[in-house]
């Protein structure tokens, strides 16, 4: 399983302890492929945008945008492993606004590009079949 650099910074317990974060996680899990802003998160959590941003970072350990990116990247990994599609299709399917942003976030978190990961997955599948 591929890991992301910023995942180790996340306080996962916060998503069980704070009801507003439980609601936000459910909302994001259902809507990560759509455009979601900090303002949207604040609305779901019932907070003002600036306070929401600070609260999220203090309780979770990373910013909302980093966390959302990690959710989308985890979905992208699953998509790459289960579907034969282009990297741009994966990027848009999981909610990234453009392919370059997706590739930049993926490489920053994993040290490889999404294309390299997809090639690794295909090679592993070919070895299993052979």
Protein backbone atom coordinates (compact mmCIF):
# COMPACT_ATOMS: atom_id res chain seq x y z
CA UNK A 1 0.00 0.00 0.00
CA UNK A 2 1.31 3.41 -0.92
CA UNK A 3 1.70 5.97 1.84
CA UNK A 4 1.47 9.74 1.82
CA UNK A 5 3.98 11.95 3.63
CA UNK A 6 1.38 14.12 5.38
CA UNK A 7 -0.78 11.21 6.63
CA UNK A 8 1.46 10.72 9.64
CA UNK A 9 0.61 14.25 10.81
CA UNK A 10 -3.13 13.57 10.99
CA UNK A 11 -4.79 13.08 14.36
CA UNK A 12 -7.43 10.56 13.25
CA UNK A 13 -8.96 10.45 16.75
CA UNK A 14 -10.24 14.00 16.25
CA UNK A 15 -12.71 12.66 13.70
CA UNK A 16 -14.27 10.49 16.41
CA UNK A 17 -14.13 13.00 19.25
CA UNK A 18 -15.54 16.19 17.69
CA UNK A 19 -19.07 15.92 16.27
CA UNK A 20 -18.44 18.73 13.79
CA UNK A 21 -15.49 16.75 12.37
CA UNK A 22 -17.60 13.57 12.20
CA UNK A 23 -20.12 15.51 10.10
CA UNK A 24 -17.41 17.01 7.94
CA UNK A 25 -15.75 13.65 7.26
CA UNK A 26 -19.10 12.17 6.20
CA UNK A 27 -19.76 15.16 3.94
CA UNK A 28 -16.33 14.96 2.32
CA UNK A 29 -16.51 11.19 1.87
CA UNK A 30 -19.79 11.69 -0.01
CA UNK A 31 -18.66 14.74 -2.02
CA UNK A 32 -14.87 14.67 -2.47
CA UNK A 33 -15.24 14.51 -6.25
CA UNK A 34 -16.98 17.90 -6.20
CA UNK A 35 -15.42 21.30 -5.58
CA UNK A 36 -15.23 21.74 -1.80
CA UNK A 37 -13.89 24.90 -0.19
CA UNK A 38 -12.98 25.81 3.37
CA UNK A 39 -16.19 27.87 3.31
CA UNK A 40 -18.16 24.72 2.49
CA UNK A 41 -16.44 22.91 5.35
CA UNK A 42 -17.25 25.77 7.70
CA UNK A 43 -20.90 25.58 6.70
CA UNK A 44 -21.04 21.84 7.37
CA UNK A 45 -19.33 22.32 10.72
CA UNK A 46 -21.47 25.32 11.68
CA UNK A 47 -18.49 27.65 12.05
CA UNK A 48 -17.15 30.87 10.62
CA UNK A 49 -14.61 30.19 7.83
CA UNK A 50 -11.52 31.59 9.56
CA UNK A 51 -12.29 29.87 12.86
CA UNK A 52 -13.05 26.62 11.04
CA UNK A 53 -9.68 26.72 9.31
CA UNK A 54 -7.81 27.31 12.58
CA UNK A 55 -9.91 24.73 14.49
CA UNK A 56 -9.34 22.10 11.82
CA UNK A 57 -5.56 22.59 11.75
CA UNK A 58 -5.31 22.56 15.57
CA UNK A 59 -7.42 19.44 16.05
CA UNK A 60 -6.47 17.40 12.97
CA UNK A 61 -2.84 18.42 12.55
CA UNK A 62 -2.97 19.51 8.90
CA UNK A 63 -4.94 22.14 7.02
CA UNK A 64 -8.34 21.32 5.59
CA UNK A 65 -6.98 21.61 2.04
CA UNK A 66 -4.14 19.17 2.74
CA UNK A 67 -6.58 16.71 4.34
CA UNK A 68 -9.01 17.02 1.42
CA UNK A 69 -6.15 16.44 -1.00
CA UNK A 70 -5.18 13.27 0.89
CA UNK A 71 -8.78 12.01 0.73
CA UNK A 72 -8.77 12.61 -3.02
CA UNK A 73 -5.35 10.99 -3.47
CA UNK A 74 -6.45 7.89 -1.56
CA UNK A 75 -9.49 7.68 -3.88
CA UNK A 76 -7.18 8.15 -6.87
CA UNK A 77 -5.01 5.24 -5.74
CA UNK A 78 -8.08 3.01 -5.55
CA UNK A 79 -9.25 4.24 -8.94
CA UNK A 80 -5.86 3.59 -10.56
CA UNK A 81 -5.73 0.09 -9.07
CA UNK A 82 -9.26 -0.91 -10.12
CA UNK A 83 -9.86 0.87 -13.42
CA UNK A 84 -8.05 1.08 -16.71
CA UNK A 85 -8.32 4.80 -17.43
CA UNK A 86 -6.16 7.80 -18.13
CA UNK A 87 -4.52 9.90 -15.45
CA UNK A 88 -6.65 12.88 -16.47
CA UNK A 89 -9.82 10.80 -16.02
CA UNK A 90 -8.64 9.81 -12.55
CA UNK A 91 -7.80 13.42 -11.65
CA UNK A 92 -11.25 14.72 -12.58
CA UNK A 93 -13.07 11.69 -11.14
CA UNK A 94 -11.64 12.30 -7.67
CA UNK A 95 -12.18 16.05 -7.64
CA UNK A 96 -8.96 17.70 -8.77
CA UNK A 97 -9.62 20.75 -10.94
CA UNK A 98 -6.84 19.96 -13.38
CA UNK A 99 -4.31 17.26 -14.14
CA UNK A 100 -1.22 19.32 -13.26
CA UNK A 101 -2.53 19.98 -9.75
CA UNK A 102 -3.29 16.27 -9.32
CA UNK A 103 0.17 15.27 -10.53
CA UNK A 104 1.86 17.86 -8.29
CA UNK A 105 -0.04 16.73 -5.17
CA UNK A 106 0.52 13.04 -5.97
CA UNK A 107 4.27 13.48 -6.48
CA UNK A 108 4.61 15.67 -3.37
CA UNK A 109 2.97 13.02 -1.20
CA UNK A 110 4.46 9.85 -2.74
CA UNK A 111 7.69 10.88 -4.53
CA UNK A 112 6.41 9.27 -7.74
CA UNK A 113 4.05 10.49 -10.43
CA UNK A 114 0.58 9.02 -10.92
CA UNK A 115 1.74 7.63 -14.28
CA UNK A 116 4.65 5.84 -12.62
CA UNK A 117 2.29 4.42 -10.02
CA UNK A 118 -0.15 3.24 -12.69
CA UNK A 119 2.73 1.58 -14.57
CA UNK A 120 3.85 -0.15 -11.36
CA UNK A 121 0.29 -1.41 -10.79
CA UNK A 122 0.07 -2.75 -14.37
CA UNK A 123 3.45 -4.50 -14.07
CA UNK A 124 2.40 -6.10 -10.79
CA UNK A 125 -0.84 -7.31 -12.39
CA UNK A 126 1.07 -8.68 -15.37
CA UNK A 127 3.40 -10.61 -13.03
CA UNK A 128 0.40 -12.06 -11.17
CA UNK A 129 -1.21 -13.20 -14.41
CA UNK A 130 2.01 -14.67 -15.84
